[in-house]
Amino acid sequence: MIISKWYRKLCKAYFGFWVRRRAKSVGNDLRVNKKSSVSGNTTLGNNVNFNGMKITGGGNVVIGDNFHSGEECLMITQIHNYDFGEKIPYDATYIYKDIEIGDNVWLGSRVIVLGGVKIGEGAIIQAGSVVVSDIPDGAIAGGHPAKVFKYRDMEHYQTLKEAKKFH
């Protein structure tokens, strides 16, 4: 099936409208290229690009400037109360955990980020990874659970950042 440019443009506008309407705040140049949804506790920086993002739960999510996501990414900011609840396997209460994403972060396709995580500035998360713990600035991480396996050349990164060369 061939999808016209007009239809793709209409879809982007529609998805962007709903993200802007739902988020707590949105910076300049939001691009929502595929169906995406955010919680009301989501704060988005400038030049944020969603290619199929779903942000759920009652915790806060802060995404910095120049963020890019691959397709079908998920951020979950709440878990069921299984430790101190009144029923097994869990009760009807939730535990909320915030997520913080630094500037210039790129998530590959189908990345899952769980609550309580901070992803540092300039980090890259490999497609298919599950992020369950903090990722430092400039790290390249992947796997399940995501582990750092390499770092960016931070001198080159700073040069590009100072020259304002953002995609």
N, C-alpha and C. Protein backbone atom coordinates (compact mmCIF):
# COMPACT_ATOMS: atom_id res chain seq x y z
N MET A 1 0.85 -1.19 0.00
CA MET A 1 0.00 0.00 0.00
C MET A 1 0.89 1.24 0.00
N ILE A 2 0.63 2.13 -0.88
CA ILE A 2 1.37 3.38 -0.97
C ILE A 2 0.64 4.44 -0.16
N ILE A 3 1.36 5.04 0.77
CA ILE A 3 0.77 6.08 1.61
C ILE A 3 1.24 7.43 1.07
N SER A 4 0.30 8.29 0.79
CA SER A 4 0.63 9.58 0.20
C SER A 4 1.35 10.49 1.20
N LYS A 5 2.09 11.43 0.66
CA LYS A 5 2.76 12.43 1.49
C LYS A 5 1.75 13.22 2.30
N TRP A 6 0.61 13.49 1.68
CA TRP A 6 -0.45 14.25 2.35
C TRP A 6 -0.93 13.50 3.59
N TYR A 7 -1.14 12.19 3.47
CA TYR A 7 -1.62 11.38 4.59
C TYR A 7 -0.57 11.33 5.70
N ARG A 8 0.70 11.14 5.36
CA ARG A 8 1.77 11.12 6.37
C ARG A 8 1.85 12.45 7.11
N LYS A 9 1.73 13.54 6.36
CA LYS A 9 1.78 14.87 6.97
C LYS A 9 0.61 15.07 7.93
N LEU A 10 -0.57 14.62 7.53
CA LEU A 10 -1.76 14.72 8.37
C LEU A 10 -1.58 13.90 9.66
N CYS A 11 -1.04 12.68 9.53
CA CYS A 11 -0.81 11.84 10.70
C CYS A 11 0.18 12.48 11.67
N LYS A 12 1.27 13.03 11.14
CA LYS A 12 2.27 13.68 11.99
C LYS A 12 1.64 14.85 12.77
N ALA A 13 0.82 15.64 12.09
CA ALA A 13 0.15 16.77 12.74
C ALA A 13 -0.79 16.27 13.83
N TYR A 14 -1.53 15.23 13.53
CA TYR A 14 -2.48 14.67 14.50
C TYR A 14 -1.77 14.13 15.73
N PHE A 15 -0.73 13.30 15.52
CA PHE A 15 0.01 12.73 16.65
C PHE A 15 0.69 13.82 17.46
N GLY A 16 1.26 14.81 16.79
CA GLY A 16 1.91 15.93 17.48
C GLY A 16 0.94 16.73 18.31
N PHE A 17 -0.26 16.94 17.78
CA PHE A 17 -1.30 17.66 18.52
C PHE A 17 -1.58 16.97 19.85
N TRP A 18 -1.75 15.64 19.83
CA TRP A 18 -2.11 14.92 21.05
C TRP A 18 -0.96 14.88 22.05
N VAL A 19 0.27 14.80 21.58
CA VAL A 19 1.41 14.85 22.50
C VAL A 19 1.49 16.22 23.15
N ARG A 20 1.36 17.28 22.35
CA ARG A 20 1.39 18.65 22.91
C ARG A 20 0.26 18.87 23.91
N ARG A 21 -0.90 18.36 23.59
CA ARG A 21 -2.08 18.56 24.45
C ARG A 21 -1.92 17.85 25.78
N ARG A 22 -1.32 16.68 25.79
CA ARG A 22 -1.24 15.85 26.99
C ARG A 22 -0.04 16.19 27.88
N ALA A 23 1.10 16.52 27.29
CA ALA A 23 2.32 16.75 28.07
C ALA A 23 2.19 17.96 28.99
N LYS A 24 2.94 17.91 30.09
CA LYS A 24 2.97 19.03 31.03
C LYS A 24 3.55 20.27 30.35
N SER A 25 4.66 20.10 29.62
CA SER A 25 5.23 21.20 28.84
C SER A 25 6.03 20.63 27.68
N VAL A 26 6.09 21.43 26.60
CA VAL A 26 6.75 21.01 25.37
C VAL A 26 7.59 22.18 24.87
N GLY A 27 8.86 21.91 24.55
CA GLY A 27 9.73 22.93 23.99
C GLY A 27 9.43 23.17 22.51
N ASN A 28 10.33 23.85 21.85
CA ASN A 28 10.18 24.16 20.42
C ASN A 28 10.56 22.95 19.57
N ASP A 29 10.01 22.89 18.38
CA ASP A 29 10.38 21.91 17.35
C ASP A 29 10.13 20.46 17.74
N LEU A 30 8.98 20.18 18.29
CA LEU A 30 8.58 18.79 18.54
C LEU A 30 8.19 18.16 17.20
N ARG A 31 8.72 16.96 16.94
CA ARG A 31 8.35 16.20 15.75
C ARG A 31 7.87 14.82 16.19
N VAL A 32 6.64 14.49 15.83
CA VAL A 32 6.06 13.20 16.17
C VAL A 32 5.74 12.51 14.85
N ASN A 33 6.61 11.60 14.45
CA ASN A 33 6.52 11.00 13.13
C ASN A 33 5.61 9.77 13.07
N LYS A 34 5.38 9.15 14.21
CA LYS A 34 4.49 7.98 14.27
C LYS A 34 3.66 8.08 15.54
N LYS A 35 2.63 7.25 15.62
CA LYS A 35 1.73 7.29 16.77
C LYS A 35 2.52 7.25 18.07
N SER A 36 2.29 8.24 18.91
CA SER A 36 2.98 8.38 20.19
C SER A 36 2.01 8.90 21.23
N SER A 37 2.27 8.55 22.49
CA SER A 37 1.46 9.08 23.58
C SER A 37 2.35 9.33 24.79
N VAL A 38 1.98 10.32 25.56
CA VAL A 38 2.75 10.69 26.75
C VAL A 38 1.79 10.84 27.92
N SER A 39 2.33 10.76 29.12
CA SER A 39 1.51 11.00 30.31
C SER A 39 1.44 12.50 30.57
N GLY A 40 0.55 12.89 31.45
CA GLY A 40 0.42 14.29 31.83
C GLY A 40 1.57 14.79 32.69
N ASN A 41 2.48 13.91 33.07
CA ASN A 41 3.64 14.29 33.88
C ASN A 41 4.91 14.34 33.04
N THR A 42 4.77 14.55 31.72
CA THR A 42 5.91 14.54 30.81
C THR A 42 6.31 15.96 30.45
N THR A 43 7.61 16.25 30.58
CA THR A 43 8.19 17.53 30.19
C THR A 43 9.17 17.28 29.06
N LEU A 44 8.98 17.96 27.93
CA LEU A 44 9.81 17.75 26.75
C LEU A 44 10.63 18.99 26.45
N GLY A 45 11.89 18.80 26.13
CA GLY A 45 12.78 19.89 25.76
C GLY A 45 12.56 20.31 24.31
N ASN A 46 13.55 21.01 23.75
CA ASN A 46 13.51 21.47 22.37
C ASN A 46 14.02 20.38 21.43
N ASN A 47 13.51 20.40 20.20
CA ASN A 47 13.96 19.48 19.15
C ASN A 47 13.84 18.02 19.59
N VAL A 48 12.66 17.66 20.07
CA VAL A 48 12.37 16.28 20.48
C VAL A 48 11.72 15.57 19.29
N ASN A 49 12.20 14.37 19.00
CA ASN A 49 11.73 13.58 17.86
C ASN A 49 11.23 12.22 18.34
N PHE A 50 9.94 11.99 18.18
CA PHE A 50 9.35 10.69 18.52
C PHE A 50 9.02 9.94 17.24
N ASN A 51 9.40 8.69 17.20
CA ASN A 51 9.08 7.83 16.06
C ASN A 51 8.26 6.63 16.53
N GLY A 52 7.40 6.87 17.49
CA GLY A 52 6.58 5.82 18.07
C GLY A 52 6.93 5.64 19.53
N MET A 53 6.61 6.59 20.36
CA MET A 53 6.95 6.60 21.79
C MET A 53 5.67 6.45 22.60
N LYS A 54 5.77 5.67 23.68
CA LYS A 54 4.65 5.57 24.63
C LYS A 54 5.22 5.78 26.03
N ILE A 55 4.73 6.81 26.72
CA ILE A 55 5.15 7.12 28.08
C ILE A 55 3.94 6.93 28.98
N THR A 56 4.05 6.00 29.93
CA THR A 56 2.91 5.66 30.78
C THR A 56 3.28 5.77 32.25
N GLY A 57 2.27 5.89 33.10
CA GLY A 57 2.44 5.87 34.54
C GLY A 57 2.30 7.24 35.17
N GLY A 58 2.30 7.24 36.49
CA GLY A 58 2.09 8.46 37.25
C GLY A 58 3.35 9.19 37.66
N GLY A 59 4.53 8.63 37.35
CA GLY A 59 5.79 9.30 37.67
C GLY A 59 6.10 10.39 36.66
N ASN A 60 7.06 11.25 37.01
CA ASN A 60 7.48 12.34 36.13
C ASN A 60 8.49 11.83 35.12
N VAL A 61 8.40 12.37 33.90
CA VAL A 61 9.39 12.10 32.86
C VAL A 61 9.88 13.45 32.34
N VAL A 62 11.19 13.64 32.37
CA VAL A 62 11.80 14.86 31.83
C VAL A 62 12.75 14.43 30.72
N ILE A 63 12.50 14.93 29.52
CA ILE A 63 13.33 14.61 28.36
C ILE A 63 13.99 15.90 27.90
N GLY A 64 15.31 15.87 27.78
CA GLY A 64 16.08 17.05 27.40
C GLY A 64 15.99 17.39 25.93
N ASP A 65 16.79 18.34 25.51
CA ASP A 65 16.83 18.83 24.13
C ASP A 65 17.47 17.80 23.20
N ASN A 66 17.08 17.86 21.93
CA ASN A 66 17.67 17.07 20.85
C ASN A 66 17.56 15.57 21.09
N PHE A 67 16.42 15.15 21.58
CA PHE A 67 16.16 13.73 21.85
C PHE A 67 15.62 13.06 20.59
N HIS A 68 16.05 11.84 20.34
CA HIS A 68 15.53 11.05 19.22
C HIS A 68 15.19 9.65 19.70
N SER A 69 14.01 9.17 19.31
CA SER A 69 13.64 7.79 19.62
C SER A 69 13.45 7.02 18.34
N GLY A 70 13.77 5.74 18.41
CA GLY A 70 13.43 4.83 17.33
C GLY A 70 11.96 4.47 17.45
N GLU A 71 11.55 3.49 16.68
CA GLU A 71 10.16 3.06 16.69
C GLU A 71 9.85 2.21 17.92
N GLU A 72 8.60 2.31 18.38
CA GLU A 72 8.03 1.47 19.43
C GLU A 72 8.80 1.50 20.75
N CYS A 73 9.24 2.68 21.17
CA CYS A 73 9.91 2.82 22.47
C CYS A 73 8.86 2.99 23.57
N LEU A 74 9.24 2.61 24.79
CA LEU A 74 8.31 2.62 25.92
C LEU A 74 9.03 3.10 27.17
N MET A 75 8.39 4.01 27.90
CA MET A 75 8.87 4.45 29.21
C MET A 75 7.75 4.18 30.21
N ILE A 76 8.08 3.47 31.29
CA ILE A 76 7.08 3.08 32.29
C ILE A 76 7.49 3.66 33.63
N THR A 77 6.63 4.50 34.23
CA THR A 77 7.00 5.20 35.45
C THR A 77 6.26 4.73 36.69
N GLN A 78 5.60 3.60 36.61
CA GLN A 78 4.95 3.08 37.81
C GLN A 78 4.99 1.56 37.80
N ILE A 79 5.02 1.01 39.01
CA ILE A 79 4.97 -0.44 39.17
C ILE A 79 3.90 -0.78 40.20
N HIS A 80 3.43 -2.00 40.13
CA HIS A 80 2.47 -2.45 41.13
C HIS A 80 3.15 -2.62 42.48
N ASN A 81 2.41 -2.41 43.54
CA ASN A 81 2.90 -2.57 44.90
C ASN A 81 2.84 -4.06 45.27
N TYR A 82 3.96 -4.74 45.12
CA TYR A 82 4.00 -6.17 45.42
C TYR A 82 4.66 -6.48 46.76
N ASP A 83 5.47 -5.55 47.27
CA ASP A 83 6.18 -5.81 48.53
C ASP A 83 5.32 -5.59 49.77
N PHE A 84 4.62 -4.46 49.82
CA PHE A 84 3.91 -4.09 51.04
C PHE A 84 2.40 -3.96 50.81
N GLY A 85 1.93 -4.53 49.74
CA GLY A 85 0.51 -4.48 49.43
C GLY A 85 -0.28 -5.42 50.32
N GLU A 86 -1.58 -5.37 50.13
CA GLU A 86 -2.48 -6.17 50.95
C GLU A 86 -2.99 -7.40 50.22
N LYS A 87 -2.52 -7.63 48.98
CA LYS A 87 -2.94 -8.80 48.22
C LYS A 87 -1.76 -9.38 47.45
N ILE A 88 -1.91 -10.62 47.03
CA ILE A 88 -0.90 -11.31 46.24
C ILE A 88 -1.47 -11.53 44.84
N PRO A 89 -0.78 -11.36 43.75
CA PRO A 89 0.64 -11.03 43.67
C PRO A 89 0.93 -9.55 43.89
N TYR A 90 -0.09 -8.68 43.77
CA TYR A 90 0.07 -7.25 44.04
C TYR A 90 -1.31 -6.68 44.32
N ASP A 91 -1.31 -5.49 44.94
CA ASP A 91 -2.62 -4.88 45.22
C ASP A 91 -2.90 -3.76 44.22
N ALA A 92 -3.91 -2.97 44.52
CA ALA A 92 -4.37 -1.94 43.58
C ALA A 92 -3.60 -0.63 43.68
N THR A 93 -2.57 -0.56 44.53
CA THR A 93 -1.79 0.67 44.64
C THR A 93 -0.55 0.59 43.76
N TYR A 94 0.00 1.76 43.45
CA TYR A 94 1.17 1.85 42.59
C TYR A 94 2.32 2.56 43.29
N ILE A 95 3.50 2.28 42.83
CA ILE A 95 4.70 2.99 43.26
C ILE A 95 5.19 3.76 42.03
N TYR A 96 5.35 5.07 42.18
CA TYR A 96 5.75 5.93 41.07
C TYR A 96 7.25 6.19 41.12
N LYS A 97 7.89 6.09 39.97
CA LYS A 97 9.32 6.34 39.85
C LYS A 97 9.57 7.22 38.63
N ASP A 98 10.34 8.27 38.82
CA ASP A 98 10.61 9.24 37.75
C ASP A 98 11.67 8.74 36.78
N ILE A 99 11.65 9.32 35.58
CA ILE A 99 12.65 9.06 34.55
C ILE A 99 13.21 10.40 34.11
N GLU A 100 14.53 10.48 33.98
CA GLU A 100 15.17 11.70 33.50
C GLU A 100 16.10 11.35 32.34
N ILE A 101 15.88 12.03 31.21
CA ILE A 101 16.67 11.81 30.00
C ILE A 101 17.42 13.11 29.70
N GLY A 102 18.74 13.05 29.61
CA GLY A 102 19.55 14.24 29.36
C GLY A 102 19.45 14.73 27.92
N ASP A 103 20.15 15.80 27.63
CA ASP A 103 20.19 16.36 26.28
C ASP A 103 20.92 15.41 25.33
N ASN A 104 20.52 15.45 24.06
CA ASN A 104 21.22 14.76 22.97
C ASN A 104 21.27 13.25 23.14
N VAL A 105 20.19 12.68 23.64
CA VAL A 105 20.09 11.23 23.84
C VAL A 105 19.36 10.61 22.66
N TRP A 106 19.81 9.42 22.28
CA TRP A 106 19.20 8.67 21.18
C TRP A 106 18.84 7.28 21.67
N LEU A 107 17.56 6.92 21.58
CA LEU A 107 17.09 5.58 21.89
C LEU A 107 16.83 4.86 20.58
N GLY A 108 17.39 3.67 20.42
CA GLY A 108 17.10 2.86 19.25
C GLY A 108 15.68 2.33 19.31
N SER A 109 15.28 1.61 18.28
CA SER A 109 13.93 1.05 18.22
C SER A 109 13.69 0.05 19.35
N ARG A 110 12.45 0.05 19.84
CA ARG A 110 11.96 -0.89 20.85
C ARG A 110 12.77 -0.89 22.15
N VAL A 111 13.25 0.26 22.54
CA VAL A 111 13.92 0.41 23.84
C VAL A 111 12.85 0.60 24.90
N ILE A 112 13.04 -0.04 26.05
CA ILE A 112 12.16 0.13 27.21
C ILE A 112 12.99 0.77 28.32
N VAL A 113 12.47 1.86 28.88
CA VAL A 113 13.12 2.54 30.00
C VAL A 113 12.17 2.44 31.19
N LEU A 114 12.65 1.85 32.28
CA LEU A 114 11.83 1.69 33.48
C LEU A 114 12.03 2.85 34.44
N GLY A 115 11.07 3.06 35.31
CA GLY A 115 11.10 4.16 36.27
C GLY A 115 12.30 4.10 37.19
N GLY A 116 12.70 5.27 37.67
CA GLY A 116 13.83 5.37 38.57
C GLY A 116 15.16 5.50 37.86
N VAL A 117 15.14 5.69 36.54
CA VAL A 117 16.35 5.70 35.73
C VAL A 117 16.69 7.11 35.27
N LYS A 118 17.99 7.39 35.22
CA LYS A 118 18.50 8.62 34.62
C LYS A 118 19.45 8.22 33.50
N ILE A 119 19.19 8.74 32.30
CA ILE A 119 20.08 8.52 31.16
C ILE A 119 20.80 9.83 30.92
N GLY A 120 22.13 9.79 30.99
CA GLY A 120 22.94 10.99 30.92
C GLY A 120 23.04 11.61 29.54
N GLU A 121 23.53 12.83 29.51
CA GLU A 121 23.68 13.61 28.28
C GLU A 121 24.51 12.84 27.24
N GLY A 122 24.02 12.87 26.01
CA GLY A 122 24.77 12.29 24.90
C GLY A 122 24.78 10.78 24.84
N ALA A 123 24.03 10.12 25.68
CA ALA A 123 24.02 8.65 25.70
C ALA A 123 23.26 8.10 24.50
N ILE A 124 23.62 6.89 24.11
CA ILE A 124 22.94 6.16 23.05
C ILE A 124 22.55 4.80 23.62
N ILE A 125 21.29 4.42 23.42
CA ILE A 125 20.81 3.12 23.89
C ILE A 125 20.48 2.27 22.67
N GLN A 126 21.12 1.11 22.60
CA GLN A 126 20.98 0.19 21.48
C GLN A 126 19.55 -0.34 21.35
N ALA A 127 19.13 -0.58 20.12
CA ALA A 127 17.79 -1.09 19.85
C ALA A 127 17.51 -2.37 20.65
N GLY A 128 16.29 -2.48 21.15
CA GLY A 128 15.86 -3.68 21.86
C GLY A 128 16.32 -3.77 23.30
N SER A 129 16.93 -2.75 23.82
CA SER A 129 17.46 -2.78 25.18
C SER A 129 16.40 -2.45 26.22
N VAL A 130 16.64 -2.91 27.44
CA VAL A 130 15.79 -2.58 28.57
C VAL A 130 16.67 -1.87 29.60
N VAL A 131 16.37 -0.60 29.85
CA VAL A 131 17.18 0.22 30.75
C VAL A 131 16.55 0.16 32.14
N VAL A 132 17.28 -0.45 33.08
CA VAL A 132 16.77 -0.62 34.45
C VAL A 132 17.62 0.12 35.48
N SER A 133 18.76 0.68 35.04
CA SER A 133 19.62 1.44 35.95
C SER A 133 20.23 2.61 35.19
N ASP A 134 20.80 3.56 35.93
CA ASP A 134 21.32 4.79 35.34
C ASP A 134 22.40 4.51 34.29
N ILE A 135 22.40 5.35 33.25
CA ILE A 135 23.40 5.30 32.19
C ILE A 135 24.14 6.64 32.23
N PRO A 136 25.48 6.62 32.33
CA PRO A 136 26.22 7.88 32.46
C PRO A 136 26.31 8.68 31.16
N ASP A 137 26.73 9.93 31.29
CA ASP A 137 26.93 10.82 30.14
C ASP A 137 27.84 10.15 29.11
N GLY A 138 27.46 10.28 27.83
CA GLY A 138 28.31 9.82 26.74
C GLY A 138 28.40 8.32 26.57
N ALA A 139 27.67 7.56 27.34
CA ALA A 139 27.76 6.10 27.27
C ALA A 139 26.95 5.56 26.11
N ILE A 140 27.40 4.43 25.59
CA ILE A 140 26.66 3.66 24.61
C ILE A 140 26.36 2.34 25.30
N ALA A 141 25.07 2.04 25.46
CA ALA A 141 24.66 0.89 26.25
C ALA A 141 23.67 0.04 25.48
N GLY A 142 23.61 -1.23 25.84
CA GLY A 142 22.65 -2.11 25.19
C GLY A 142 22.48 -3.39 25.97
N GLY A 143 21.45 -4.13 25.62
CA GLY A 143 21.18 -5.42 26.22
C GLY A 143 20.00 -5.39 27.15
N HIS A 144 19.84 -6.55 27.81
CA HIS A 144 18.74 -6.71 28.76
C HIS A 144 19.27 -7.41 29.99
N PRO A 145 19.59 -6.70 31.05
CA PRO A 145 19.45 -5.24 31.20
C PRO A 145 20.57 -4.50 30.45
N ALA A 146 20.30 -3.25 30.09
CA ALA A 146 21.27 -2.45 29.35
C ALA A 146 22.53 -2.23 30.18
N LYS A 147 23.66 -2.48 29.55
CA LYS A 147 24.97 -2.26 30.17
C LYS A 147 25.82 -1.43 29.24
N VAL A 148 26.66 -0.59 29.81
CA VAL A 148 27.56 0.24 29.01
C VAL A 148 28.63 -0.65 28.40
N PHE A 149 28.81 -0.54 27.08
CA PHE A 149 29.87 -1.31 26.42
C PHE A 149 30.86 -0.42 25.69
N LYS A 150 30.59 0.89 25.64
CA LYS A 150 31.48 1.81 24.95
C LYS A 150 31.11 3.23 25.36
N TYR A 151 32.02 4.18 25.09
CA TYR A 151 31.72 5.60 25.31
C TYR A 151 31.98 6.37 24.03
N ARG A 152 31.21 7.44 23.85
CA ARG A 152 31.45 8.36 22.74
C ARG A 152 32.81 9.01 22.90
N ASP A 153 33.35 9.52 21.81
CA ASP A 153 34.52 10.38 21.85
C ASP A 153 34.02 11.74 22.34
N MET A 154 34.16 12.02 23.63
CA MET A 154 33.55 13.21 24.23
C MET A 154 34.19 14.51 23.75
N GLU A 155 35.43 14.47 23.32
CA GLU A 155 36.06 15.68 22.76
C GLU A 155 35.36 16.05 21.45
N HIS A 156 35.13 15.07 20.60
CA HIS A 156 34.41 15.30 19.34
C HIS A 156 32.97 15.73 19.62
N TYR A 157 32.34 15.07 20.57
CA TYR A 157 30.97 15.40 20.98
C TYR A 157 30.87 16.87 21.39
N GLN A 158 31.80 17.32 22.23
CA GLN A 158 31.79 18.72 22.71
C GLN A 158 31.99 19.69 21.56
N THR A 159 32.86 19.34 20.61
CA THR A 159 33.08 20.20 19.44
C THR A 159 31.80 20.38 18.65
N LEU A 160 31.09 19.27 18.40
CA LEU A 160 29.81 19.35 17.68
C LEU A 160 28.76 20.11 18.48
N LYS A 161 28.73 19.90 19.77
CA LYS A 161 27.76 20.58 20.63
C LYS A 161 28.00 22.09 20.63
N GLU A 162 29.26 22.50 20.75
CA GLU A 162 29.58 23.93 20.76
C GLU A 162 29.26 24.59 19.42
N ALA A 163 29.37 23.83 18.32
CA ALA A 163 29.06 24.34 16.99
C ALA A 163 27.55 24.26 16.71
N LYS A 164 26.78 23.77 17.69
CA LYS A 164 25.32 23.63 17.56
C LYS A 164 24.91 22.81 16.35
N LYS A 165 25.60 21.69 16.15
CA LYS A 165 25.31 20.78 15.03
C LYS A 165 24.40 19.67 15.53
N PHE A 166 23.12 19.96 15.57
CA PHE A 166 22.12 19.01 16.05
C PHE A 166 21.27 18.54 14.89
N HIS A 167 20.86 17.28 14.95
CA HIS A 167 20.00 16.70 13.91
C HIS A 167 18.55 16.92 14.29
